[in-house]
């Protein structure tokens, strides 16, 4: 599995939009650690949850 994320990327969890925008902290295999605005750090298994990248370039 190839993930299209790198540390510093902004992402959303479409299953929990109330978590707010998160910033990718680290990626180890299929596990992505994300620091979300409203809930803090979460480890997301990308085999179970598909994170969506947020485009900062407006």
Protein backbone atom coordinates (compact mmCIF):
# COMPACT_ATOMS: atom_id res chain seq x y z
CA UNK A 1 0.00 0.00 0.00
CA UNK A 2 1.33 3.42 -0.96
CA UNK A 3 0.04 6.37 1.02
CA UNK A 4 0.09 9.80 -0.57
CA UNK A 5 0.88 11.62 2.68
CA UNK A 6 3.97 13.09 4.23
CA UNK A 7 4.55 14.81 7.57
CA UNK A 8 3.06 18.29 7.56
CA UNK A 9 0.19 17.47 5.19
CA UNK A 10 -3.28 18.61 6.30
CA UNK A 11 -6.00 15.94 6.30
CA UNK A 12 -9.61 15.28 7.29
CA UNK A 13 -11.16 12.09 8.59
CA UNK A 14 -14.42 11.89 6.58
CA UNK A 15 -15.91 9.55 9.20
CA UNK A 16 -15.31 12.11 11.99
CA UNK A 17 -15.43 15.58 10.43
CA UNK A 18 -16.00 17.12 13.88
CA UNK A 19 -12.37 16.24 14.71
CA UNK A 20 -11.40 19.19 12.51
CA UNK A 21 -8.41 19.47 10.23
CA UNK A 22 -5.41 17.39 11.24
CA UNK A 23 -1.72 17.62 10.47
CA UNK A 24 0.17 14.44 9.65
CA UNK A 25 2.93 13.85 12.22
CA UNK A 26 4.36 10.50 11.09
CA UNK A 27 3.69 7.52 8.83
CA UNK A 28 4.78 3.98 9.69
CA UNK A 29 3.54 1.36 7.22
CA UNK A 30 -0.26 1.78 7.09
CA UNK A 31 -0.47 3.77 10.35
CA UNK A 32 -0.62 7.55 10.16
CA UNK A 33 -0.32 9.68 13.31
CA UNK A 34 -2.37 12.85 12.93
CA UNK A 35 -2.74 15.80 15.31
CA UNK A 36 -6.37 16.95 14.91
CA UNK A 37 -7.61 20.44 15.92
CA UNK A 38 -10.42 19.27 18.19
CA UNK A 39 -9.29 15.87 19.56
CA UNK A 40 -5.49 15.90 19.56
CA UNK A 41 -3.30 13.07 18.32
CA UNK A 42 -4.85 9.98 16.78
CA UNK A 43 -3.23 6.98 15.11
CA UNK A 44 -5.21 6.09 12.00
CA UNK A 45 -4.96 2.71 10.29
CA UNK A 46 -5.35 3.58 6.61
CA UNK A 47 -6.50 0.03 5.87
CA UNK A 48 -9.69 0.88 7.79
CA UNK A 49 -10.11 4.65 7.36
CA UNK A 50 -9.32 6.66 4.23
CA UNK A 51 -8.04 10.11 5.16
CA UNK A 52 -8.68 12.95 2.71
CA UNK A 53 -5.92 15.44 1.98
CA UNK A 54 -6.88 19.11 2.44
CA UNK A 55 -5.66 21.52 -0.21
CA UNK A 56 -4.17 24.59 1.50
CA UNK A 57 -3.61 26.45 -1.75
CA UNK A 58 -6.66 28.71 -1.99
